[in-house]
Amino acid sequence: MKPFRPSLLLATLCTAALLSACGNKAETAVVAVEIDRATTCELDGMLLSDFPGPKAQIHFKGEDKPSFYCDTVEMFNTMLKPEQVKALRAVLVQDMGKANWDDPRGNWFDARTGFYVLGSKLKGSMGPTIASFAQEADAKAFATKNGGRVLRFSEVKLDMVDLSGGAVHDTKM
């Protein structure tokens, strides 16, 4: 019979605990949730399906359902405010290179990888909006046709997404 070794037992128990903890904390891939006739905006309760332009959804860690936004301006404003401290799992917007502007459905992609057109003539649910695109070429073509300038996600700043009047036509360089 082998002698009892408390250190071996402790090591085995610690390894098992760590492995089970890893399994419990593993994040599942975020899947876009499609809007329907009853989907409302997190900030103002507006029905998303009643308005044109790109929509957004933020999946916060620890929450089962995403927070929806009827406009990308609201999504950026929420994310860029200094008091926003909730951990994010995913931020999704609609690819307006594929979606119908007047009735956008589907075509969700990771907002942080996108290209945005600020200052176009097209309006969203809150008036002036920021059009979202998965492909830079689509954003450039949209800007050529509808006005505005192309920005990357990280180039959109809080002063450009004033909720009192939609997307500010930023002229600073």
C-alpha atoms as a PDB file:
ATOM      1  CA  MET A   1       0.000   0.000   0.000  1.00  0.00           C
ATOM      2  CA  LYS A   2       1.304   3.445  -0.969  1.00  0.00           C
ATOM      3  CA  PRO A   3       1.655   6.129   1.715  1.00  0.00           C
ATOM      4  CA  PHE A   4      -0.947   8.949   1.838  1.00  0.00           C
ATOM      5  CA  ARG A   5       0.424  12.114   0.217  1.00  0.00           C
ATOM      6  CA  PRO A   6      -1.588  15.234   1.115  1.00  0.00           C
ATOM      7  CA  SER A   7       0.363  17.400  -1.354  1.00  0.00           C
ATOM      8  CA  LEU A   8      -0.635  15.117  -4.255  1.00  0.00           C
ATOM      9  CA  LEU A   9      -4.276  15.206  -3.173  1.00  0.00           C
ATOM     10  CA  LEU A  10      -4.181  19.008  -2.877  1.00  0.00           C
ATOM     11  CA  ALA A  11      -2.604  19.359  -6.341  1.00  0.00           C
ATOM     12  CA  THR A  12      -5.234  17.063  -7.861  1.00  0.00           C
ATOM     13  CA  LEU A  13      -8.108  18.972  -6.229  1.00  0.00           C
ATOM     14  CA  CYS A  14      -6.697  22.361  -7.341  1.00  0.00           C
ATOM     15  CA  THR A  15      -6.287  21.152 -10.913  1.00  0.00           C
ATOM     16  CA  ALA A  16      -9.855  19.835 -10.979  1.00  0.00           C
ATOM     17  CA  ALA A  17     -11.190  23.103  -9.556  1.00  0.00           C
ATOM     18  CA  LEU A  18      -9.317  25.182 -12.110  1.00  0.00           C
ATOM     19  CA  LEU A  19     -10.517  23.041 -15.008  1.00  0.00           C
ATOM     20  CA  SER A  20     -14.126  23.197 -13.884  1.00  0.00           C
ATOM     21  CA  ALA A  21     -13.884  26.968 -13.356  1.00  0.00           C
ATOM     22  CA  CYS A  22     -12.544  27.428 -16.871  1.00  0.00           C
ATOM     23  CA  GLY A  23     -15.422  25.438 -18.270  1.00  0.00           C
ATOM     24  CA  ASN A  24     -17.967  27.570 -16.419  1.00  0.00           C
ATOM     25  CA  LYS A  25     -16.500  30.884 -17.501  1.00  0.00           C
ATOM     26  CA  ALA A  26     -16.087  30.122 -21.181  1.00  0.00           C
ATOM     27  CA  GLU A  27     -17.931  32.687 -23.258  1.00  0.00           C
ATOM     28  CA  THR A  28     -20.096  31.438 -26.037  1.00  0.00           C
ATOM     29  CA  ALA A  29     -19.914  33.200 -29.374  1.00  0.00           C
ATOM     30  CA  VAL A  30     -22.278  36.142 -29.633  1.00  0.00           C
ATOM     31  CA  VAL A  31     -25.008  35.686 -32.198  1.00  0.00           C
ATOM     32  CA  ALA A  32     -26.875  38.694 -33.551  1.00  0.00           C
ATOM     33  CA  VAL A  33     -30.471  38.916 -32.413  1.00  0.00           C
ATOM     34  CA  GLU A  34     -32.753  40.048 -35.212  1.00  0.00           C
ATOM     35  CA  ILE A  35     -35.139  42.908 -34.558  1.00  0.00           C
ATOM     36  CA  ASP A  36     -38.864  42.343 -34.905  1.00  0.00           C
ATOM     37  CA  ARG A  37     -41.980  44.550 -34.749  1.00  0.00           C
ATOM     38  CA  ALA A  38     -41.788  44.687 -30.944  1.00  0.00           C
ATOM     39  CA  THR A  39     -38.049  45.435 -30.519  1.00  0.00           C
ATOM     40  CA  THR A  40     -37.562  48.725 -28.712  1.00  0.00           C
ATOM     41  CA  CYS A  41     -34.653  51.095 -28.242  1.00  0.00           C
ATOM     42  CA  GLU A  42     -32.818  50.889 -24.927  1.00  0.00           C
ATOM     43  CA  LEU A  43     -32.690  54.676 -24.538  1.00  0.00           C
ATOM     44  CA  ASP A  44     -36.058  55.976 -25.658  1.00  0.00           C
ATOM     45  CA  GLY A  45     -38.396  53.024 -26.196  1.00  0.00           C
ATOM     46  CA  MET A  46     -38.890  53.728 -29.909  1.00  0.00           C
ATOM     47  CA  LEU A  47     -39.816  50.748 -32.081  1.00  0.00           C
ATOM     48  CA  LEU A  48     -36.759  49.979 -34.208  1.00  0.00           C
ATOM     49  CA  SER A  49     -38.731  48.630 -37.157  1.00  0.00           C
ATOM     50  CA  ASP A  50     -40.606  51.942 -37.576  1.00  0.00           C
ATOM     51  CA  PHE A  51     -37.541  53.911 -38.663  1.00  0.00           C
ATOM     52  CA  PRO A  52     -34.945  53.908 -41.458  1.00  0.00           C
ATOM     53  CA  GLY A  53     -31.193  53.681 -41.174  1.00  0.00           C
ATOM     54  CA  PRO A  54     -28.728  51.419 -39.369  1.00  0.00           C
ATOM     55  CA  LYS A  55     -29.520  49.913 -35.993  1.00  0.00           C
ATOM     56  CA  ALA A  56     -27.187  48.610 -33.293  1.00  0.00           C
ATOM     57  CA  GLN A  57     -27.110  46.071 -30.492  1.00  0.00           C
ATOM     58  CA  ILE A  58     -24.728  45.888 -27.567  1.00  0.00           C
ATOM     59  CA  HIS A  59     -24.249  42.593 -25.774  1.00  0.00           C
ATOM     60  CA  PHE A  60     -23.071  43.374 -22.239  1.00  0.00           C
ATOM     61  CA  LYS A  61     -21.314  40.715 -20.167  1.00  0.00           C
ATOM     62  CA  GLY A  62     -23.601  39.098 -17.652  1.00  0.00           C
ATOM     63  CA  GLU A  63     -26.780  39.999 -19.539  1.00  0.00           C
ATOM     64  CA  ASP A  64     -28.823  37.439 -21.456  1.00  0.00           C
ATOM     65  CA  LYS A  65     -30.319  39.822 -24.014  1.00  0.00           C
ATOM     66  CA  PRO A  66     -28.708  42.622 -26.007  1.00  0.00           C
ATOM     67  CA  SER A  67     -29.547  46.286 -25.603  1.00  0.00           C
ATOM     68  CA  PHE A  68     -30.894  47.610 -28.904  1.00  0.00           C
ATOM     69  CA  TYR A  69     -30.437  51.102 -30.303  1.00  0.00           C
ATOM     70  CA  CYS A  70     -32.593  52.631 -33.041  1.00  0.00           C
ATOM     71  CA  ASP A  71     -29.619  54.573 -34.362  1.00  0.00           C
ATOM     72  CA  THR A  72     -25.825  54.199 -34.486  1.00  0.00           C
ATOM     73  CA  VAL A  73     -25.522  57.666 -32.949  1.00  0.00           C
ATOM     74  CA  GLU A  74     -27.168  56.345 -29.775  1.00  0.00           C
ATOM     75  CA  MET A  75     -24.902  53.295 -29.767  1.00  0.00           C
ATOM     76  CA  PHE A  76     -21.744  55.419 -30.092  1.00  0.00           C
ATOM     77  CA  ASN A  77     -22.998  57.883 -27.486  1.00  0.00           C
ATOM     78  CA  THR A  78     -23.644  55.045 -25.031  1.00  0.00           C
ATOM     79  CA  MET A  79     -20.236  53.456 -25.612  1.00  0.00           C
ATOM     80  CA  LEU A  80     -18.181  56.659 -25.586  1.00  0.00           C
ATOM     81  CA  LYS A  81     -19.563  58.256 -22.442  1.00  0.00           C
ATOM     82  CA  PRO A  82     -16.968  58.216 -19.653  1.00  0.00           C
ATOM     83  CA  GLU A  83     -19.524  56.765 -17.228  1.00  0.00           C
ATOM     84  CA  GLN A  84     -20.044  53.675 -19.428  1.00  0.00           C
ATOM     85  CA  VAL A  85     -18.298  50.992 -17.384  1.00  0.00           C
ATOM     86  CA  LYS A  86     -20.271  47.851 -18.209  1.00  0.00           C
ATOM     87  CA  ALA A  87     -18.096  45.170 -19.768  1.00  0.00           C
ATOM     88  CA  LEU A  88     -18.897  44.455 -23.393  1.00  0.00           C
ATOM     89  CA  ARG A  89     -19.168  41.056 -25.047  1.00  0.00           C
ATOM     90  CA  ALA A  90     -20.014  42.392 -28.505  1.00  0.00           C
ATOM     91  CA  VAL A  91     -21.211  45.457 -30.367  1.00  0.00           C
ATOM     92  CA  LEU A  92     -23.055  44.797 -33.616  1.00  0.00           C
ATOM     93  CA  VAL A  93     -24.317  47.161 -36.310  1.00  0.00           C
ATOM     94  CA  GLN A  94     -25.961  46.643 -39.664  1.00  0.00           C
ATOM     95  CA  ASP A  95     -23.992  46.664 -42.899  1.00  0.00           C
ATOM     96  CA  MET A  96     -25.725  49.336 -44.943  1.00  0.00           C
ATOM     97  CA  GLY A  97     -23.794  48.167 -47.998  1.00  0.00           C
ATOM     98  CA  LYS A  98     -26.178  45.185 -47.955  1.00  0.00           C
ATOM     99  CA  ALA A  99     -29.216  46.241 -45.903  1.00  0.00           C
ATOM    100  CA  ASN A 100     -32.149  48.272 -47.225  1.00  0.00           C
ATOM    101  CA  TRP A 101     -31.875  51.801 -45.761  1.00  0.00           C
ATOM    102  CA  ASP A 102     -35.642  52.238 -45.415  1.00  0.00           C
ATOM    103  CA  ASP A 103     -36.245  48.833 -43.811  1.00  0.00           C
ATOM    104  CA  PRO A 104     -32.934  47.418 -42.553  1.00  0.00           C
ATOM    105  CA  ARG A 105     -33.004  43.755 -41.595  1.00  0.00           C
ATOM    106  CA  GLY A 106     -30.128  41.427 -40.757  1.00  0.00           C
ATOM    107  CA  ASN A 107     -26.610  41.979 -42.093  1.00  0.00           C
ATOM    108  CA  TRP A 108     -25.104  42.376 -38.606  1.00  0.00           C
ATOM    109  CA  PHE A 109     -21.348  42.624 -38.111  1.00  0.00           C
ATOM    110  CA  ASP A 110     -18.820  43.553 -35.401  1.00  0.00           C
ATOM    111  CA  ALA A 111     -19.067  47.331 -35.091  1.00  0.00           C
ATOM    112  CA  ARG A 112     -15.416  47.686 -34.066  1.00  0.00           C
ATOM    113  CA  THR A 113     -14.272  46.414 -37.478  1.00  0.00           C
ATOM    114  CA  GLY A 114     -16.494  48.712 -39.518  1.00  0.00           C
ATOM    115  CA  PHE A 115     -16.336  51.920 -41.488  1.00  0.00           C
ATOM    116  CA  TYR A 116     -18.705  54.806 -40.839  1.00  0.00           C
ATOM    117  CA  VAL A 117     -19.983  57.743 -42.860  1.00  0.00           C
ATOM    118  CA  LEU A 118     -20.577  60.884 -40.829  1.00  0.00           C
ATOM    119  CA  GLY A 119     -22.539  63.775 -42.326  1.00  0.00           C
ATOM    120  CA  SER A 120     -24.485  62.156 -45.157  1.00  0.00           C
ATOM    121  CA  LYS A 121     -27.794  63.536 -46.404  1.00  0.00           C
ATOM    122  CA  LEU A 122     -29.689  60.351 -45.408  1.00  0.00           C
ATOM    123  CA  LYS A 123     -31.527  60.346 -42.096  1.00  0.00           C
ATOM    124  CA  GLY A 124     -31.975  57.682 -39.445  1.00  0.00           C
ATOM    125  CA  SER A 125     -34.482  57.390 -36.631  1.00  0.00           C
ATOM    126  CA  MET A 126     -33.099  60.417 -34.802  1.00  0.00           C
ATOM    127  CA  GLY A 127     -32.364  62.592 -37.841  1.00  0.00           C
ATOM    128  CA  PRO A 128     -28.744  62.848 -38.982  1.00  0.00           C
ATOM    129  CA  THR A 129     -27.051  59.494 -38.449  1.00  0.00           C
ATOM    130  CA  ILE A 130     -23.799  57.644 -38.969  1.00  0.00           C
ATOM    131  CA  ALA A 131     -24.057  55.004 -41.673  1.00  0.00           C
ATOM    132  CA  SER A 132     -22.290  51.724 -40.870  1.00  0.00           C
ATOM    133  CA  PHE A 133     -20.445  49.499 -43.359  1.00  0.00           C
ATOM    134  CA  ALA A 134     -18.477  46.277 -43.135  1.00  0.00           C
ATOM    135  CA  GLN A 135     -16.419  47.182 -46.230  1.00  0.00           C
ATOM    136  CA  GLU A 136     -14.495  50.416 -46.750  1.00  0.00           C
ATOM    137  CA  ALA A 137     -15.311  50.417 -50.478  1.00  0.00           C
ATOM    138  CA  ASP A 138     -19.044  50.423 -49.688  1.00  0.00           C
ATOM    139  CA  ALA A 139     -18.595  53.300 -47.221  1.00  0.00           C
ATOM    140  CA  LYS A 140     -16.666  55.333 -49.813  1.00  0.00           C
ATOM    141  CA  ALA A 141     -19.279  54.690 -52.512  1.00  0.00           C
ATOM    142  CA  PHE A 142     -22.047  55.717 -50.090  1.00  0.00           C
ATOM    143  CA  ALA A 143     -20.182  58.933 -49.153  1.00  0.00           C
ATOM    144  CA  THR A 144     -19.643  59.797 -52.822  1.00  0.00           C
ATOM    145  CA  LYS A 145     -23.369  59.398 -53.518  1.00  0.00           C
ATOM    146  CA  ASN A 146     -24.831  60.825 -50.279  1.00  0.00           C
ATOM    147  CA  GLY A 147     -22.117  63.095 -48.879  1.00  0.00           C
ATOM    148  CA  GLY A 148     -20.185  62.771 -45.654  1.00  0.00           C
ATOM    149  CA  ARG A 149     -16.798  61.452 -44.752  1.00  0.00           C
ATOM    150  CA  VAL A 150     -15.562  57.971 -43.994  1.00  0.00           C
ATOM    151  CA  LEU A 151     -14.256  57.165 -40.501  1.00  0.00           C
ATOM    152  CA  ARG A 152     -13.036  54.073 -38.726  1.00  0.00           C
ATOM    153  CA  PHE A 153     -14.736  53.037 -35.481  1.00  0.00           C
ATOM    154  CA  SER A 154     -11.944  54.512 -33.329  1.00  0.00           C
ATOM    155  CA  GLU A 155     -12.216  57.879 -35.119  1.00  0.00           C
ATOM    156  CA  VAL A 156     -15.788  58.512 -33.963  1.00  0.00           C
ATOM    157  CA  LYS A 157     -15.643  60.754 -30.893  1.00  0.00           C
ATOM    158  CA  LEU A 158     -18.220  61.686 -28.265  1.00  0.00           C
ATOM    159  CA  ASP A 159     -18.624  65.259 -29.560  1.00  0.00           C
ATOM    160  CA  MET A 160     -19.713  63.807 -32.932  1.00  0.00           C
ATOM    161  CA  VAL A 161     -22.644  61.887 -31.427  1.00  0.00           C
ATOM    162  CA  ASP A 162     -24.642  64.499 -29.574  1.00  0.00           C
ATOM    163  CA  LEU A 163     -28.057  63.037 -28.766  1.00  0.00           C
ATOM    164  CA  SER A 164     -29.719  66.440 -28.711  1.00  0.00           C
ATOM    165  CA  GLY A 165     -29.623  66.628 -32.482  1.00  0.00           C
ATOM    166  CA  GLY A 166     -28.199  63.487 -34.061  1.00  0.00           C
ATOM    167  CA  ALA A 167     -24.778  63.218 -35.639  1.00  0.00           C
ATOM    168  CA  VAL A 168     -22.862  66.441 -35.474  1.00  0.00           C
ATOM    169  CA  HIS A 169     -21.394  67.426 -38.811  1.00  0.00           C
ATOM    170  CA  ASP A 170     -17.836  67.467 -37.569  1.00  0.00           C
ATOM    171  CA  THR A 171     -15.658  69.816 -39.582  1.00  0.00           C
ATOM    172  CA  LYS A 172     -12.522  69.564 -37.446  1.00  0.00           C
ATOM    173  CA  MET A 173      -9.484  67.904 -38.990  1.00  0.00           C
END
